[in-house]
Protein backbone atom coordinates (compact mmCIF):
# COMPACT_ATOMS: atom_id res chain seq x y z
CA MET A 1 6.13 -70.83 -60.28
CA ARG A 2 6.66 -67.50 -61.55
CA ALA A 3 4.11 -66.13 -59.13
CA LEU A 4 5.84 -67.96 -56.35
CA GLY A 5 9.21 -66.49 -57.38
CA ILE A 6 7.81 -62.98 -57.42
CA GLY A 7 6.13 -63.54 -54.06
CA ILE A 8 9.37 -64.77 -52.48
CA ALA A 9 11.31 -61.80 -53.93
CA VAL A 10 8.76 -59.36 -52.53
CA ALA A 11 8.80 -61.10 -49.15
CA LEU A 12 12.60 -61.02 -49.00
CA ALA A 13 12.72 -57.37 -49.96
CA ALA A 14 10.14 -56.50 -47.33
CA CYS A 15 11.93 -58.48 -44.65
CA SER A 16 15.41 -57.11 -45.25
CA GLY A 17 17.25 -55.73 -42.20
CA PRO A 18 17.83 -52.07 -41.38
CA TYR A 19 21.43 -52.17 -42.55
CA ALA A 20 20.81 -53.89 -45.87
CA GLY A 21 21.75 -51.94 -48.93
CA LYS A 22 24.10 -49.00 -49.45
CA ALA A 23 24.42 -46.29 -46.79
CA GLU A 24 23.22 -42.78 -47.56
CA LYS A 25 25.89 -40.19 -48.06
CA LEU A 26 25.83 -37.48 -45.41
CA ARG A 27 26.11 -33.89 -46.49
CA LYS A 28 28.49 -31.53 -44.72
CA MET A 29 26.93 -28.74 -42.68
CA PRO A 30 27.27 -25.39 -44.36
CA LYS A 31 29.73 -23.13 -42.58
CA SER A 32 28.25 -19.96 -41.21
CA ALA A 33 29.98 -17.08 -39.52
CA GLU A 34 29.66 -17.02 -35.74
CA PRO A 35 27.70 -14.07 -34.45
CA GLU A 36 29.79 -11.34 -32.91
CA PRO A 37 29.46 -11.04 -29.16
CA PRO A 38 27.64 -7.92 -27.96
CA PRO A 39 29.97 -5.11 -26.99
CA VAL A 40 30.84 -4.85 -23.32
CA VAL A 41 29.34 -1.67 -21.96
CA ALA A 42 30.04 -0.42 -18.48
CA GLU A 43 26.84 -0.30 -16.51
CA GLU A 44 25.96 3.18 -15.40
CA ILE A 45 25.88 3.63 -11.64
CA LYS A 46 22.57 5.05 -10.56
CA PHE A 47 22.55 7.33 -7.55
CA ALA A 48 19.66 8.59 -5.49
CA GLU A 49 19.83 12.29 -6.31
CA GLU A 50 17.40 13.60 -3.71
CA CYS A 51 17.54 13.44 0.04
CA PRO A 52 14.34 13.89 2.04
CA VAL A 53 16.19 14.60 5.30
CA LYS A 54 17.11 18.11 6.44
CA PHE A 55 20.44 18.23 8.23
CA GLN A 56 20.19 21.78 9.57
CA GLU A 57 19.33 22.27 13.24
CA GLU A 58 18.29 25.21 15.40
CA PRO A 59 21.70 26.44 16.69
CA LYS A 60 20.90 27.34 20.32
CA ASP A 61 18.98 24.14 21.14
CA ALA A 62 21.34 21.96 19.13
CA LEU A 63 24.41 23.29 20.94
CA LYS A 64 23.00 22.36 24.35
CA GLN A 65 22.00 18.95 23.03
CA HIS A 66 25.44 18.46 21.48
CA ASN A 67 27.27 19.29 24.70
CA ARG A 68 25.06 16.93 26.65
CA ASN A 69 25.44 13.94 24.28
CA ALA A 70 28.93 14.33 22.77
CA THR A 71 30.46 11.37 24.65
CA ALA A 72 27.64 8.96 23.80
CA SER A 73 27.78 10.07 20.17
CA LYS A 74 31.51 9.39 20.03
CA ARG A 75 30.88 5.78 21.13
CA LEU A 76 28.19 5.38 18.47
CA VAL A 77 30.56 6.70 15.80
CA GLU A 78 33.24 4.21 16.86
CA GLN A 79 30.74 1.34 16.70
CA ALA A 80 29.54 2.48 13.27
CA ASP A 81 33.12 2.75 12.04
CA THR A 82 33.76 -0.84 13.11
CA LEU A 83 30.58 -1.94 11.32
CA LEU A 84 31.64 -0.17 8.12
CA ASP A 85 35.07 -1.82 8.28
CA ASP A 86 33.44 -5.23 8.76
CA ALA A 87 31.06 -4.56 5.87
CA ARG A 88 33.98 -3.67 3.62
CA VAL A 89 35.56 -7.12 4.07
CA ALA A 90 32.34 -9.16 4.30
CA LYS A 91 32.02 -11.84 1.63
CA ASP A 92 28.25 -12.23 1.89
CA ASP A 93 26.14 -9.46 0.33
CA LYS A 94 23.40 -9.80 2.94
CA ALA A 95 25.90 -9.36 5.76
CA ARG A 96 27.43 -6.34 4.00
CA VAL A 97 24.02 -4.71 3.58
CA ALA A 98 23.00 -5.44 7.16
CA GLN A 99 26.23 -4.05 8.62
CA THR A 100 26.13 -0.92 6.45
CA THR A 101 22.48 -0.29 7.35
CA GLU A 102 23.22 -0.72 11.05
CA ALA A 103 26.19 1.66 10.75
CA ILE A 104 23.98 4.28 9.06
CA ASN A 105 21.40 3.95 11.82
CA LYS A 106 24.06 4.41 14.52
CA LEU A 107 25.53 7.43 12.75
CA ARG A 108 22.10 9.01 12.33
CA LYS A 109 21.43 8.52 16.03
CA ALA A 110 24.83 10.02 16.85
CA LEU A 111 24.00 13.09 14.74
CA LEU A 112 20.57 13.43 16.29
CA ASP A 113 22.16 13.35 19.74
CA ALA A 114 25.12 15.62 18.88
CA PRO A 115 24.35 17.63 15.71
CA TYR A 116 27.77 19.31 15.52
CA HIS A 117 29.82 16.12 15.61
CA ALA A 118 32.12 16.44 12.57
CA GLU A 119 33.24 12.80 12.65
CA ALA A 120 29.64 11.54 12.65
CA THR A 121 28.73 13.94 9.84
CA TYR A 122 31.64 12.80 7.68
CA LYS A 123 31.15 9.08 8.39
CA LEU A 124 27.44 9.32 7.58
CA ALA A 125 28.24 11.10 4.29
CA HIS A 126 30.74 8.31 3.56
CA ALA A 127 28.16 5.59 4.36
CA TYR A 128 25.52 7.28 2.20
CA ALA A 129 28.00 7.48 -0.69
CA LEU A 130 28.67 3.75 -0.28
CA THR A 131 24.95 3.06 -0.58
CA ARG A 132 24.63 5.39 -3.61
CA ARG A 133 22.60 8.01 -1.76
CA LYS A 134 24.35 10.89 -3.51
CA GLY A 135 21.86 13.56 -2.46
CA CYS A 136 22.22 12.76 1.24
CA ALA A 137 26.01 12.45 0.99
CA ILE A 138 26.27 15.90 -0.62
CA ALA A 139 23.86 17.42 1.93
CA LEU A 140 26.05 16.07 4.72
CA LEU A 141 29.21 17.37 3.08
CA LYS A 142 27.54 20.81 2.93
CA ARG A 143 26.68 20.43 6.61
CA LEU A 144 30.33 19.59 7.29
CA ALA A 145 31.39 22.78 5.48
CA ASP A 146 28.83 24.73 7.55
CA LEU A 147 30.41 23.40 10.76
CA GLN A 148 33.50 25.50 10.01
CA LYS A 149 31.46 28.59 10.90
CA TYR A 150 31.31 27.50 14.54
CA GLY A 151 34.60 28.17 16.32
CA ASP A 152 34.47 25.16 18.63
CA PHE A 153 33.93 22.73 15.75
CA ALA A 154 35.94 24.41 12.97
CA ALA A 155 39.18 22.43 13.46
CA ASP A 156 37.42 19.03 13.42
CA ALA A 157 35.31 20.06 10.45
CA LYS A 158 38.36 21.23 8.48
CA ARG A 159 40.19 17.95 9.20
CA LYS A 160 37.18 15.94 7.99
CA ILE A 161 36.78 18.15 4.90
CA ASP A 162 40.42 17.45 4.01
CA GLU A 163 39.73 13.75 4.45
CA ALA A 164 36.59 13.95 2.29
CA GLU A 165 38.55 15.66 -0.47
CA THR A 166 40.73 12.57 -0.90
CA ASP A 167 38.15 9.89 -0.09
CA SER A 168 37.65 7.59 -3.09
CA VAL A 169 34.04 6.83 -2.21
CA PHE A 170 33.08 10.30 -3.45
CA GLN A 171 34.94 9.81 -6.75
CA PRO A 172 31.85 9.07 -8.92
CA PHE A 173 30.51 12.52 -8.04
CA ARG A 174 33.76 14.27 -7.12
CA LYS A 175 32.82 17.61 -8.70
CA GLN A 176 29.60 17.96 -6.67
CA ALA A 177 31.37 16.72 -3.52
CA ASN A 178 34.12 19.31 -3.90
CA GLU A 179 31.53 22.03 -4.50
CA ALA A 180 29.72 20.97 -1.32
CA ILE A 181 32.90 21.31 0.76
CA ASN A 182 33.83 24.58 -1.00
CA ARG A 183 36.92 23.23 -2.77
């Protein structure tokens, strides 16, 4: 009997349910200090410092070419200006890039056709500054300052230089921009 009693006790203990007996006491999690968030650091804007393009032209051939193509260049500058305005308000980055690139191409064509066009020179410098092409923007601002040497183009060049002096797009490199326009 005794063996039977021990056998039944072992069988009952082995067959007890998962919730039989006293529950284990849970330990509280140790408190640890939250890690400090990393400091917010302004990301440095990287500009393309060099410009492979030369913006100086042979004066006697360029003057003839300018006189011949001034009207067509003016239309290209107006189209590029519209594209830059559209890019400024575009919500999609791809559209903004495409419109800015197209505007730069139109302005470059306008300058190739009419090398003394002050508006095209300034707008192209502005577009290059928008795309962080600092070297090209400064080279074009120097070209704009050089246009003051030519009597026919001096008034337009001075007006655009005054505009460049207050243009916020040149603010990240204002000192170099002002040096380029002799201010």
